[in-house]
Amino acid sequence: MEEMPMARLMVAETEVDASFYKAALEGSGISVFVSGMEGSVFGAALDGPDEIEIIVYQKDLEASQAIIAELDEEPENEIPTWICSCGAEVDEGFGVCWSCGGEYDAGAKPHGSDNAPG
């Protein structure tokens, strides 16, 4: 079987960041390999900081870069606390109702509005 060329997508700052990006990419059907999270028992204090590389197949590089860019971009409009059509109050920043799974609509009633369900 012919080997597929690999490409270094990025260097993550922390293991948590690397795991986050890996999960997002794999959720989009992209195979991801992470290198540098193997560290020794002495950690960065003695070994120096390791680079945590996120590696993908070359054929997936462009799509991977687009996904990472989307994850890293600042949200243009923060989602305020809102009242879902089912009547549940949804906390600020959440775009999906915890109760019914309904999605935020910019026209949704803001929390505290006079016509919110009581």
PDB file of N, CA and C in Angstrom:
ATOM      1  N   MET A   1       0.853  -1.188   0.000  1.00  0.00           N
ATOM      2  CA  MET A   1       0.000   0.000   0.000  1.00  0.00           C
ATOM      3  C   MET A   1       0.892   1.242   0.000  1.00  0.00           C
ATOM      4  N   GLU A   2       0.557   2.196  -0.810  1.00  0.00           N
ATOM      5  CA  GLU A   2       1.343   3.415  -0.934  1.00  0.00           C
ATOM      6  C   GLU A   2       1.109   4.329   0.270  1.00  0.00           C
ATOM      7  N   GLU A   3       2.191   4.891   0.818  1.00  0.00           N
ATOM      8  CA  GLU A   3       2.074   5.810   1.948  1.00  0.00           C
ATOM      9  C   GLU A   3       1.560   7.156   1.470  1.00  0.00           C
ATOM     10  N   MET A   4       0.671   7.729   2.245  1.00  0.00           N
ATOM     11  CA  MET A   4       0.138   9.049   1.918  1.00  0.00           C
ATOM     12  C   MET A   4       1.003  10.094   2.605  1.00  0.00           C
ATOM     13  N   PRO A   5       1.344  11.184   1.903  1.00  0.00           N
ATOM     14  CA  PRO A   5       2.175  12.221   2.515  1.00  0.00           C
ATOM     15  C   PRO A   5       1.449  12.920   3.660  1.00  0.00           C
ATOM     16  N   MET A   6       2.220  13.274   4.687  1.00  0.00           N
ATOM     17  CA  MET A   6       1.692  13.940   5.864  1.00  0.00           C
ATOM     18  C   MET A   6       2.119  15.409   5.841  1.00  0.00           C
ATOM     19  N   ALA A   7       1.408  16.236   6.598  1.00  0.00           N
ATOM     20  CA  ALA A   7       1.736  17.658   6.696  1.00  0.00           C
ATOM     21  C   ALA A   7       1.526  18.124   8.128  1.00  0.00           C
ATOM     22  N   ARG A   8       2.420  18.980   8.591  1.00  0.00           N
ATOM     23  CA  ARG A   8       2.277  19.568   9.931  1.00  0.00           C
ATOM     24  C   ARG A   8       1.264  20.696   9.829  1.00  0.00           C
ATOM     25  N   LEU A   9       0.161  20.540  10.513  1.00  0.00           N
ATOM     26  CA  LEU A   9      -0.899  21.537  10.492  1.00  0.00           C
ATOM     27  C   LEU A   9      -0.555  22.718  11.403  1.00  0.00           C
ATOM     28  N   MET A  10      -0.117  22.401  12.604  1.00  0.00           N
ATOM     29  CA  MET A  10       0.142  23.461  13.571  1.00  0.00           C
ATOM     30  C   MET A  10       0.876  22.913  14.784  1.00  0.00           C
ATOM     31  N   VAL A  11       1.329  23.829  15.633  1.00  0.00           N
ATOM     32  CA  VAL A  11       1.884  23.481  16.932  1.00  0.00           C
ATOM     33  C   VAL A  11       0.909  24.021  17.969  1.00  0.00           C
ATOM     34  N   ALA A  12       0.417  23.145  18.839  1.00  0.00           N
ATOM     35  CA  ALA A  12      -0.512  23.549  19.887  1.00  0.00           C
ATOM     36  C   ALA A  12       0.275  24.016  21.111  1.00  0.00           C
ATOM     37  N   GLU A  13      -0.291  24.951  21.843  1.00  0.00           N
ATOM     38  CA  GLU A  13       0.381  25.481  23.017  1.00  0.00           C
ATOM     39  C   GLU A  13       0.328  24.529  24.201  1.00  0.00           C
ATOM     40  N   THR A  14      -0.773  23.806  24.345  1.00  0.00           N
ATOM     41  CA  THR A  14      -0.938  22.898  25.489  1.00  0.00           C
ATOM     42  C   THR A  14      -1.529  21.574  25.015  1.00  0.00           C
ATOM     43  N   GLU A  15      -1.462  20.577  25.887  1.00  0.00           N
ATOM     44  CA  GLU A  15      -2.068  19.285  25.581  1.00  0.00           C
ATOM     45  C   GLU A  15      -3.588  19.416  25.474  1.00  0.00           C
ATOM     46  N   VAL A  16      -4.165  20.296  26.272  1.00  0.00           N
ATOM     47  CA  VAL A  16      -5.614  20.519  26.217  1.00  0.00           C
ATOM     48  C   VAL A  16      -6.001  21.089  24.849  1.00  0.00           C
ATOM     49  N   ASP A  17      -5.235  22.093  24.383  1.00  0.00           N
ATOM     50  CA  ASP A  17      -5.500  22.663  23.059  1.00  0.00           C
ATOM     51  C   ASP A  17      -5.373  21.590  21.983  1.00  0.00           C
ATOM     52  N   ALA A  18      -4.323  20.789  22.065  1.00  0.00           N
ATOM     53  CA  ALA A  18      -4.097  19.741  21.069  1.00  0.00           C
ATOM     54  C   ALA A  18      -5.267  18.757  21.046  1.00  0.00           C
ATOM     55  N   SER A  19      -5.742  18.375  22.224  1.00  0.00           N
ATOM     56  CA  SER A  19      -6.869  17.442  22.306  1.00  0.00           C
ATOM     57  C   SER A  19      -8.142  18.056  21.742  1.00  0.00           C
ATOM     58  N   PHE A  20      -8.347  19.346  21.997  1.00  0.00           N
ATOM     59  CA  PHE A  20      -9.518  20.061  21.472  1.00  0.00           C
ATOM     60  C   PHE A  20      -9.501  20.072  19.950  1.00  0.00           C
ATOM     61  N   TYR A  21      -8.370  20.485  19.380  1.00  0.00           N
ATOM     62  CA  TYR A  21      -8.269  20.550  17.916  1.00  0.00           C
ATOM     63  C   TYR A  21      -8.390  19.160  17.298  1.00  0.00           C
ATOM     64  N   LYS A  22      -7.771  18.173  17.915  1.00  0.00           N
ATOM     65  CA  LYS A  22      -7.837  16.800  17.411  1.00  0.00           C
ATOM     66  C   LYS A  22      -9.288  16.321  17.363  1.00  0.00           C
ATOM     67  N   ALA A  23     -10.021  16.552  18.447  1.00  0.00           N
ATOM     68  CA  ALA A  23     -11.419  16.115  18.492  1.00  0.00           C
ATOM     69  C   ALA A  23     -12.263  16.826  17.430  1.00  0.00           C
ATOM     70  N   ALA A  24     -12.027  18.129  17.242  1.00  0.00           N
ATOM     71  CA  ALA A  24     -12.793  18.881  16.246  1.00  0.00           C
ATOM     72  C   ALA A  24     -12.505  18.378  14.839  1.00  0.00           C
ATOM     73  N   LEU A  25     -11.240  18.128  14.541  1.00  0.00           N
ATOM     74  CA  LEU A  25     -10.875  17.650  13.210  1.00  0.00           C
ATOM     75  C   LEU A  25     -11.413  16.241  12.963  1.00  0.00           C
ATOM     76  N   GLU A  26     -11.256  15.369  13.952  1.00  0.00           N
ATOM     77  CA  GLU A  26     -11.764  14.003  13.793  1.00  0.00           C
ATOM     78  C   GLU A  26     -13.276  13.993  13.656  1.00  0.00           C
ATOM     79  N   GLY A  27     -13.954  14.942  14.334  1.00  0.00           N
ATOM     80  CA  GLY A  27     -15.405  15.065  14.212  1.00  0.00           C
ATOM     81  C   GLY A  27     -15.829  15.463  12.801  1.00  0.00           C
ATOM     82  N   SER A  28     -14.894  16.032  12.054  1.00  0.00           N
ATOM     83  CA  SER A  28     -15.154  16.395  10.661  1.00  0.00           C
ATOM     84  C   SER A  28     -14.647  15.333   9.694  1.00  0.00           C
ATOM     85  N   GLY A  29     -14.233  14.185  10.228  1.00  0.00           N
ATOM     86  CA  GLY A  29     -13.804  13.077   9.385  1.00  0.00           C
ATOM     87  C   GLY A  29     -12.357  13.130   8.941  1.00  0.00           C
ATOM     88  N   ILE A  30     -11.542  13.945   9.614  1.00  0.00           N
ATOM     89  CA  ILE A  30     -10.134  14.081   9.246  1.00  0.00           C
ATOM     90  C   ILE A  30      -9.279  13.276  10.218  1.00  0.00           C
ATOM     91  N   SER A  31      -8.404  12.436   9.682  1.00  0.00           N
ATOM     92  CA  SER A  31      -7.480  11.669  10.520  1.00  0.00           C
ATOM     93  C   SER A  31      -6.410  12.613  11.057  1.00  0.00           C
ATOM     94  N   VAL A  32      -6.154  12.534  12.362  1.00  0.00           N
ATOM     95  CA  VAL A  32      -5.229  13.450  13.028  1.00  0.00           C
ATOM     96  C   VAL A  32      -4.221  12.646  13.832  1.00  0.00           C
ATOM     97  N   PHE A  33      -2.980  13.116  13.790  1.00  0.00           N
ATOM     98  CA  PHE A  33      -1.922  12.512  14.576  1.00  0.00           C
ATOM     99  C   PHE A  33      -1.305  13.615  15.418  1.00  0.00           C
ATOM    100  N   VAL A  34      -1.071  13.343  16.707  1.00  0.00           N
ATOM    101  CA  VAL A  34      -0.481  14.333  17.596  1.00  0.00           C
ATOM    102  C   VAL A  34       0.857  13.803  18.065  1.00  0.00           C
ATOM    103  N   SER A  35       1.858  14.642  17.966  1.00  0.00           N
ATOM    104  CA  SER A  35       3.208  14.267  18.378  1.00  0.00           C
ATOM    105  C   SER A  35       3.689  15.259  19.425  1.00  0.00           C
ATOM    106  N   GLY A  36       4.322  14.747  20.478  1.00  0.00           N
ATOM    107  CA  GLY A  36       4.907  15.627  21.483  1.00  0.00           C
ATOM    108  C   GLY A  36       4.182  15.627  22.800  1.00  0.00           C
ATOM    109  N   MET A  37       3.153  14.816  22.953  1.00  0.00           N
ATOM    110  CA  MET A  37       2.447  14.758  24.228  1.00  0.00           C
ATOM    111  C   MET A  37       2.957  13.593  25.072  1.00  0.00           C
ATOM    112  N   GLU A  38       4.037  12.974  24.635  1.00  0.00           N
ATOM    113  CA  GLU A  38       4.533  11.805  25.330  1.00  0.00           C
ATOM    114  C   GLU A  38       5.387  12.153  26.544  1.00  0.00           C
ATOM    115  N   GLY A  39       5.867  13.393  26.661  1.00  0.00           N
ATOM    116  CA  GLY A  39       6.739  13.900  27.727  1.00  0.00           C
ATOM    117  C   GLY A  39       7.264  12.893  28.731  1.00  0.00           C
ATOM    118  N   SER A  40       8.353  13.214  29.370  1.00  0.00           N
ATOM    119  CA  SER A  40       8.934  12.339  30.378  1.00  0.00           C
ATOM    120  C   SER A  40       8.320  12.614  31.734  1.00  0.00           C
ATOM    121  N   VAL A  41       8.670  11.799  32.711  1.00  0.00           N
ATOM    122  CA  VAL A  41       8.158  11.986  34.065  1.00  0.00           C
ATOM    123  C   VAL A  41       8.693  13.260  34.697  1.00  0.00           C
ATOM    124  N   PHE A  42       9.785  13.814  34.161  1.00  0.00           N
ATOM    125  CA  PHE A  42      10.362  15.028  34.718  1.00  0.00           C
ATOM    126  C   PHE A  42       9.677  16.278  34.188  1.00  0.00           C
ATOM    127  N   GLY A  43       8.974  16.168  33.093  1.00  0.00           N
ATOM    128  CA  GLY A  43       8.247  17.282  32.526  1.00  0.00           C
ATOM    129  C   GLY A  43       9.145  18.343  31.915  1.00  0.00           C
ATOM    130  N   ALA A  44       8.532  19.454  31.558  1.00  0.00           N
ATOM    131  CA  ALA A  44       9.221  20.523  30.851  1.00  0.00           C
ATOM    132  C   ALA A  44      10.313  21.180  31.687  1.00  0.00           C
ATOM    133  N   ALA A  45      10.237  21.069  33.019  1.00  0.00           N
ATOM    134  CA  ALA A  45      11.228  21.719  33.875  1.00  0.00           C
ATOM    135  C   ALA A  45      12.635  21.213  33.587  1.00  0.00           C
ATOM    136  N   LEU A  46      12.796  19.930  33.327  1.00  0.00           N
ATOM    137  CA  LEU A  46      14.113  19.367  33.059  1.00  0.00           C
ATOM    138  C   LEU A  46      14.349  19.107  31.582  1.00  0.00           C
ATOM    139  N   ASP A  47      13.303  18.747  30.872  1.00  0.00           N
ATOM    140  CA  ASP A  47      13.451  18.377  29.468  1.00  0.00           C
ATOM    141  C   ASP A  47      13.357  19.573  28.526  1.00  0.00           C
ATOM    142  N   GLY A  48      12.846  20.676  29.003  1.00  0.00           N
ATOM    143  CA  GLY A  48      12.566  21.802  28.122  1.00  0.00           C
ATOM    144  C   GLY A  48      11.188  21.598  27.516  1.00  0.00           C
ATOM    145  N   PRO A  49      10.601  22.648  27.004  1.00  0.00           N
ATOM    146  CA  PRO A  49       9.255  22.511  26.447  1.00  0.00           C
ATOM    147  C   PRO A  49       9.264  21.673  25.175  1.00  0.00           C
ATOM    148  N   ASP A  50       8.298  20.791  25.087  1.00  0.00           N
ATOM    149  CA  ASP A  50       8.124  19.988  23.877  1.00  0.00           C
ATOM    150  C   ASP A  50       7.160  20.711  22.953  1.00  0.00           C
ATOM    151  N   GLU A  51       7.378  20.562  21.666  1.00  0.00           N
ATOM    152  CA  GLU A  51       6.400  21.045  20.707  1.00  0.00           C
ATOM    153  C   GLU A  51       5.331  19.979  20.569  1.00  0.00           C
ATOM    154  N   ILE A  52       4.109  20.398  20.643  1.00  0.00           N
ATOM    155  CA  ILE A  52       2.990  19.482  20.437  1.00  0.00           C
ATOM    156  C   ILE A  52       2.484  19.743  19.024  1.00  0.00           C
ATOM    157  N   GLU A  53       2.846  18.853  18.120  1.00  0.00           N
ATOM    158  CA  GLU A  53       2.501  19.014  16.712  1.00  0.00           C
ATOM    159  C   GLU A  53       1.203  18.300  16.385  1.00  0.00           C
ATOM    160  N   ILE A  54       0.394  18.950  15.585  1.00  0.00           N
ATOM    161  CA  ILE A  54      -0.816  18.322  15.050  1.00  0.00           C
ATOM    162  C   ILE A  54      -0.548  18.083  13.569  1.00  0.00           C
ATOM    163  N   ILE A  55      -0.648  16.826  13.191  1.00  0.00           N
ATOM    164  CA  ILE A  55      -0.270  16.389  11.851  1.00  0.00           C
ATOM    165  C   ILE A  55      -1.475  15.758  11.170  1.00  0.00           C
ATOM    166  N   VAL A  56      -1.663  16.080   9.901  1.00  0.00           N
ATOM    167  CA  VAL A  56      -2.754  15.515   9.110  1.00  0.00           C
ATOM    168  C   VAL A  56      -2.196  15.018   7.777  1.00  0.00           C
ATOM    169  N   TYR A  57      -3.004  14.289   7.051  1.00  0.00           N
ATOM    170  CA  TYR A  57      -2.604  13.903   5.703  1.00  0.00           C
ATOM    171  C   TYR A  57      -2.590  15.155   4.824  1.00  0.00           C
ATOM    172  N   GLN A  58      -1.657  15.209   3.910  1.00  0.00           N
ATOM    173  CA  GLN A  58      -1.515  16.357   3.012  1.00  0.00           C
ATOM    174  C   GLN A  58      -2.832  16.679   2.311  1.00  0.00           C
ATOM    175  N   LYS A  59      -3.554  15.645   1.902  1.00  0.00           N
ATOM    176  CA  LYS A  59      -4.819  15.850   1.185  1.00  0.00           C
ATOM    177  C   LYS A  59      -5.869  16.553   2.054  1.00  0.00           C
ATOM    178  N   ASP A  60      -5.722  16.505   3.380  1.00  0.00           N
ATOM    179  CA  ASP A  60      -6.678  17.121   4.298  1.00  0.00           C
ATOM    180  C   ASP A  60      -6.197  18.462   4.855  1.00  0.00           C
ATOM    181  N   LEU A  61      -5.027  18.907   4.429  1.00  0.00           N
ATOM    182  CA  LEU A  61      -4.419  20.097   5.019  1.00  0.00           C
ATOM    183  C   LEU A  61      -5.292  21.346   4.845  1.00  0.00           C
ATOM    184  N   GLU A  62      -5.769  21.596   3.651  1.00  0.00           N
ATOM    185  CA  GLU A  62      -6.553  22.811   3.400  1.00  0.00           C
ATOM    186  C   GLU A  62      -7.845  22.817   4.217  1.00  0.00           C
ATOM    187  N   ALA A  63      -8.545  21.703   4.229  1.00  0.00           N
ATOM    188  CA  ALA A  63      -9.785  21.612   5.010  1.00  0.00           C
ATOM    189  C   ALA A  63      -9.490  21.762   6.501  1.00  0.00           C
ATOM    190  N   SER A  64      -8.390  21.180   6.945  1.00  0.00           N
ATOM    191  CA  SER A  64      -8.003  21.275   8.355  1.00  0.00           C
ATOM    192  C   SER A  64      -7.704  22.714   8.743  1.00  0.00           C
ATOM    193  N   GLN A  65      -7.000  23.430   7.885  1.00  0.00           N
ATOM    194  CA  GLN A  65      -6.678  24.833   8.152  1.00  0.00           C
ATOM    195  C   GLN A  65      -7.955  25.668   8.263  1.00  0.00           C
ATOM    196  N   ALA A  66      -8.931  25.389   7.420  1.00  0.00           N
ATOM    197  CA  ALA A  66     -10.200  26.119   7.467  1.00  0.00           C
ATOM    198  C   ALA A  66     -10.939  25.847   8.779  1.00  0.00           C
ATOM    199  N   ILE A  67     -10.924  24.599   9.228  1.00  0.00           N
ATOM    200  CA  ILE A  67     -11.595  24.241  10.483  1.00  0.00           C
ATOM    201  C   ILE A  67     -10.916  24.934  11.659  1.00  0.00           C
ATOM    202  N   ILE A  68      -9.586  24.900  11.688  1.00  0.00           N
ATOM    203  CA  ILE A  68      -8.836  25.539  12.775  1.00  0.00           C
ATOM    204  C   ILE A  68      -9.087  27.046  12.770  1.00  0.00           C
ATOM    205  N   ALA A  69      -9.102  27.662  11.603  1.00  0.00           N
ATOM    206  CA  ALA A  69      -9.352  29.103  11.506  1.00  0.00           C
ATOM    207  C   ALA A  69     -10.733  29.453  12.055  1.00  0.00           C
ATOM    208  N   GLU A  70     -11.705  28.619  11.745  1.00  0.00           N
ATOM    209  CA  GLU A  70     -13.062  28.855  12.226  1.00  0.00           C
ATOM    210  C   GLU A  70     -13.128  28.716  13.745  1.00  0.00           C
ATOM    211  N   LEU A  71     -12.424  27.722  14.289  1.00  0.00           N
ATOM    212  CA  LEU A  71     -12.409  27.523  15.737  1.00  0.00           C
ATOM    213  C   LEU A  71     -11.724  28.679  16.457  1.00  0.00           C
ATOM    214  N   ASP A  72     -10.709  29.239  15.837  1.00  0.00           N
ATOM    215  CA  ASP A  72      -9.915  30.279  16.476  1.00  0.00           C
ATOM    216  C   ASP A  72     -10.475  31.686  16.311  1.00  0.00           C
ATOM    217  N   GLU A  73     -11.423  31.869  15.389  1.00  0.00           N
ATOM    218  CA  GLU A  73     -11.924  33.226  15.176  1.00  0.00           C
ATOM    219  C   GLU A  73     -12.827  33.633  16.328  1.00  0.00           C
ATOM    220  N   GLU A  74     -12.739  34.903  16.659  1.00  0.00           N
ATOM    221  CA  GLU A  74     -13.551  35.462  17.733  1.00  0.00           C
ATOM    222  C   GLU A  74     -14.996  35.533  17.265  1.00  0.00           C
ATOM    223  N   PRO A  75     -15.917  35.185  18.137  1.00  0.00           N
ATOM    224  CA  PRO A  75     -17.321  35.310  17.740  1.00  0.00           C
ATOM    225  C   PRO A  75     -17.671  36.780  17.521  1.00  0.00           C
ATOM    226  N   GLU A  76     -18.400  37.044  16.439  1.00  0.00           N
ATOM    227  CA  GLU A  76     -18.766  38.422  16.116  1.00  0.00           C
ATOM    228  C   GLU A  76     -19.805  38.950  17.092  1.00  0.00           C
ATOM    229  N   ASN A  77     -20.761  38.155  17.397  1.00  0.00           N
ATOM    230  CA  ASN A  77     -21.822  38.563  18.311  1.00  0.00           C
ATOM    231  C   ASN A  77     -21.945  37.527  19.417  1.00  0.00           C
ATOM    232  N   GLU A  78     -21.739  37.974  20.629  1.00  0.00           N
ATOM    233  CA  GLU A  78     -21.933  37.067  21.750  1.00  0.00           C
ATOM    234  C   GLU A  78     -23.425  36.754  21.873  1.00  0.00           C
ATOM    235  N   ILE A  79     -23.717  35.553  22.264  1.00  0.00           N
ATOM    236  CA  ILE A  79     -25.113  35.169  22.446  1.00  0.00           C
ATOM    237  C   ILE A  79     -25.502  35.543  23.877  1.00  0.00           C
ATOM    238  N   PRO A  80     -26.535  36.382  24.031  1.00  0.00           N
ATOM    239  CA  PRO A  80     -26.948  36.780  25.378  1.00  0.00           C
ATOM    240  C   PRO A  80     -27.748  35.661  26.048  1.00  0.00           C
ATOM    241  N   THR A  81     -28.027  35.808  27.314  1.00  0.00           N
ATOM    242  CA  THR A  81     -28.981  34.910  27.957  1.00  0.00           C
ATOM    243  C   THR A  81     -30.304  35.081  27.217  1.00  0.00           C
ATOM    244  N   TRP A  82     -30.946  33.966  26.865  1.00  0.00           N
ATOM    245  CA  TRP A  82     -32.163  34.043  26.057  1.00  0.00           C
ATOM    246  C   TRP A  82     -33.196  33.038  26.519  1.00  0.00           C
ATOM    247  N   ILE A  83     -34.432  33.266  26.107  1.00  0.00           N
ATOM    248  CA  ILE A  83     -35.540  32.381  26.448  1.00  0.00           C
ATOM    249  C   ILE A  83     -35.887  31.578  25.199  1.00  0.00           C
ATOM    250  N   CYS A  84     -35.780  30.263  25.305  1.00  0.00           N
ATOM    251  CA  CYS A  84     -36.090  29.368  24.186  1.00  0.00           C
ATOM    252  C   CYS A  84     -37.600  29.330  23.953  1.00  0.00           C
ATOM    253  N   SER A  85     -38.007  28.899  22.790  1.00  0.00           N
ATOM    254  CA  SER A  85     -39.440  28.786  22.478  1.00  0.00           C
ATOM    255  C   SER A  85     -40.135  27.774  23.397  1.00  0.00           C
ATOM    256  N   CYS A  86     -39.343  26.862  24.010  1.00  0.00           N
ATOM    257  CA  CYS A  86     -39.940  25.905  24.948  1.00  0.00           C
ATOM    258  C   CYS A  86     -40.133  26.517  26.330  1.00  0.00           C
ATOM    259  N   GLY A  87     -39.607  27.753  26.527  1.00  0.00           N
ATOM    260  CA  GLY A  87     -39.768  28.448  27.798  1.00  0.00           C
ATOM    261  C   GLY A  87     -38.552  28.373  28.710  1.00  0.00           C
ATOM    262  N   ALA A  88     -37.566  27.575  28.342  1.00  0.00           N
ATOM    263  CA  ALA A  88     -36.376  27.426  29.184  1.00  0.00           C
ATOM    264  C   ALA A  88     -35.451  28.627  29.033  1.00  0.00           C
ATOM    265  N   GLU A  89     -34.830  29.023  30.146  1.00  0.00           N
ATOM    266  CA  GLU A  89     -33.827  30.086  30.110  1.00  0.00           C
ATOM    267  C   GLU A  89     -32.480  29.447  29.771  1.00  0.00           C
ATOM    268  N   VAL A  90     -31.806  30.012  28.773  1.00  0.00           N
ATOM    269  CA  VAL A  90     -30.523  29.480  28.310  1.00  0.00           C
ATOM    270  C   VAL A  90     -29.447  30.518  28.633  1.00  0.00           C
ATOM    271  N   ASP A  91     -28.385  30.076  29.304  1.00  0.00           N
ATOM    272  CA  ASP A  91     -27.324  30.975  29.749  1.00  0.00           C
ATOM    273  C   ASP A  91     -26.577  31.618  28.591  1.00  0.00           C
ATOM    274  N   GLU A  92     -25.995  32.756  28.882  1.00  0.00           N
ATOM    275  CA  GLU A  92     -25.201  33.515  27.924  1.00  0.00           C
ATOM    276  C   GLU A  92     -24.116  32.644  27.295  1.00  0.00           C
ATOM    277  N   GLY A  93     -23.946  32.804  25.985  1.00  0.00           N
ATOM    278  CA  GLY A  93     -22.895  32.088  25.274  1.00  0.00           C
ATOM    279  C   GLY A  93     -23.327  30.755  24.687  1.00  0.00           C
ATOM    280  N   PHE A  94     -24.468  30.240  25.113  1.00  0.00           N
ATOM    281  CA  PHE A  94     -24.924  28.951  24.607  1.00  0.00           C
ATOM    282  C   PHE A  94     -25.898  29.152  23.457  1.00  0.00           C
ATOM    283  N   GLY A  95     -25.654  28.460  22.346  1.00  0.00           N
ATOM    284  CA  GLY A  95     -26.480  28.589  21.166  1.00  0.00           C
ATOM    285  C   GLY A  95     -27.514  27.497  21.017  1.00  0.00           C
ATOM    286  N   VAL A  96     -27.520  26.543  21.976  1.00  0.00           N
ATOM    287  CA  VAL A  96     -28.467  25.437  21.922  1.00  0.00           C
ATOM    288  C   VAL A  96     -29.144  25.311  23.281  1.00  0.00           C
ATOM    289  N   CYS A  97     -30.437  25.142  23.272  1.00  0.00           N
ATOM    290  CA  CYS A  97     -31.219  25.016  24.504  1.00  0.00           C
ATOM    291  C   CYS A  97     -30.880  23.719  25.223  1.00  0.00           C
ATOM    292  N   TRP A  98     -30.632  23.831  26.512  1.00  0.00           N
ATOM    293  CA  TRP A  98     -30.299  22.655  27.315  1.00  0.00           C
ATOM    294  C   TRP A  98     -31.506  21.746  27.494  1.00  0.00           C
ATOM    295  N   SER A  99     -32.715  22.297  27.381  1.00  0.00           N
ATOM    296  CA  SER A  99     -33.920  21.534  27.658  1.00  0.00           C
ATOM    297  C   SER A  99     -34.444  20.771  26.447  1.00  0.00           C
ATOM    298  N   CYS A 100     -34.561  21.475  25.300  1.00  0.00           N
ATOM    299  CA  CYS A 100     -35.186  20.833  24.139  1.00  0.00           C
ATOM    300  C   CYS A 100     -34.253  20.667  22.946  1.00  0.00           C
ATOM    301  N   GLY A 101     -33.054  21.280  23.020  1.00  0.00           N
ATOM    302  CA  GLY A 101     -32.115  21.178  21.907  1.00  0.00           C
ATOM    303  C   GLY A 101     -32.362  22.212  20.817  1.00  0.00           C
ATOM    304  N   GLY A 102     -33.313  23.126  21.038  1.00  0.00           N
ATOM    305  CA  GLY A 102     -33.592  24.171  20.065  1.00  0.00           C
ATOM    306  C   GLY A 102     -32.405  25.109  19.923  1.00  0.00           C
ATOM    307  N   GLU A 103     -32.241  25.662  18.726  1.00  0.00           N
ATOM    308  CA  GLU A 103     -31.111  26.545  18.457  1.00  0.00           C
ATOM    309  C   GLU A 103     -31.477  28.000  18.674  1.00  0.00           C
ATOM    310  N   TYR A 104     -30.456  28.778  19.061  1.00  0.00           N
ATOM    311  CA  TYR A 104     -30.635  30.216  19.282  1.00  0.00           C
ATOM    312  C   TYR A 104     -31.037  30.904  17.989  1.00  0.00           C
ATOM    313  N   ASP A 105     -31.962  31.816  18.107  1.00  0.00           N
ATOM    314  CA  ASP A 105     -32.400  32.655  16.989  1.00  0.00           C
ATOM    315  C   ASP A 105     -32.173  34.094  17.428  1.00  0.00           C
ATOM    316  N   ALA A 106     -31.551  34.884  16.589  1.00  0.00           N
ATOM    317  CA  ALA A 106     -31.260  36.273  16.944  1.00  0.00           C
ATOM    318  C   ALA A 106     -32.528  37.017  17.345  1.00  0.00           C
ATOM    319  N   GLY A 107     -33.667  36.526  16.933  1.00  0.00           N
ATOM    320  CA  GLY A 107     -34.938  37.141  17.302  1.00  0.00           C
ATOM    321  C   GLY A 107     -35.517  36.590  18.597  1.00  0.00           C
ATOM    322  N   ALA A 108     -34.782  35.703  19.254  1.00  0.00           N
ATOM    323  CA  ALA A 108     -35.267  35.101  20.502  1.00  0.00           C
ATOM    324  C   ALA A 108     -35.430  36.170  21.570  1.00  0.00           C
ATOM    325  N   LYS A 109     -36.341  35.925  22.492  1.00  0.00           N
ATOM    326  CA  LYS A 109     -36.568  36.874  23.562  1.00  0.00           C
ATOM    327  C   LYS A 109     -35.348  36.906  24.472  1.00  0.00           C
ATOM    328  N   PRO A 110     -34.822  38.105  24.726  1.00  0.00           N
ATOM    329  CA  PRO A 110     -33.724  38.181  25.676  1.00  0.00           C
ATOM    330  C   PRO A 110     -34.252  37.923  27.088  1.00  0.00           C
ATOM    331  N   HIS A 111     -33.404  37.410  27.930  1.00  0.00           N
ATOM    332  CA  HIS A 111     -33.773  37.158  29.319  1.00  0.00           C
ATOM    333  C   HIS A 111     -34.208  38.476  29.963  1.00  0.00           C
ATOM    334  N   GLY A 112     -35.302  38.437  30.703  1.00  0.00           N
ATOM    335  CA  GLY A 112     -35.752  39.635  31.392  1.00  0.00           C
ATOM    336  C   GLY A 112     -36.713  40.485  30.584  1.00  0.00           C
ATOM    337  N   SER A 113     -37.051  40.049  29.353  1.00  0.00           N
ATOM    338  CA  SER A 113     -37.989  40.848  28.559  1.00  0.00           C
ATOM    339  C   SER A 113     -39.387  40.716  29.175  1.00  0.00           C
ATOM    340  N   ASP A 114     -40.206  41.726  28.933  1.00  0.00           N
ATOM    341  CA  ASP A 114     -41.536  41.782  29.534  1.00  0.00           C
ATOM    342  C   ASP A 114     -42.440  40.638  29.110  1.00  0.00           C
ATOM    343  N   ASN A 115     -42.245  40.096  27.910  1.00  0.00           N
ATOM    344  CA  ASN A 115     -43.126  39.042  27.414  1.00  0.00           C
ATOM    345  C   ASN A 115     -42.518  37.654  27.550  1.00  0.00           C
ATOM    346  N   ALA A 116     -41.518  37.503  28.418  1.00  0.00           N
ATOM    347  CA  ALA A 116     -40.922  36.191  28.657  1.00  0.00           C
ATOM    348  C   ALA A 116     -41.908  35.343  29.462  1.00  0.00           C
ATOM    349  N   PRO A 117     -41.912  34.023  29.242  1.00  0.00           N
ATOM    350  CA  PRO A 117     -42.811  33.153  30.014  1.00  0.00           C
ATOM    351  C   PRO A 117     -42.521  33.297  31.493  1.00  0.00           C
ATOM    352  N   GLY A 118     -43.533  33.256  32.304  1.00  0.00           N
ATOM    353  CA  GLY A 118     -43.363  33.479  33.728  1.00  0.00           C
ATOM    354  C   GLY A 118     -43.446  32.244  34.469  1.00  0.00           C
TER     355      GLY A 118
END
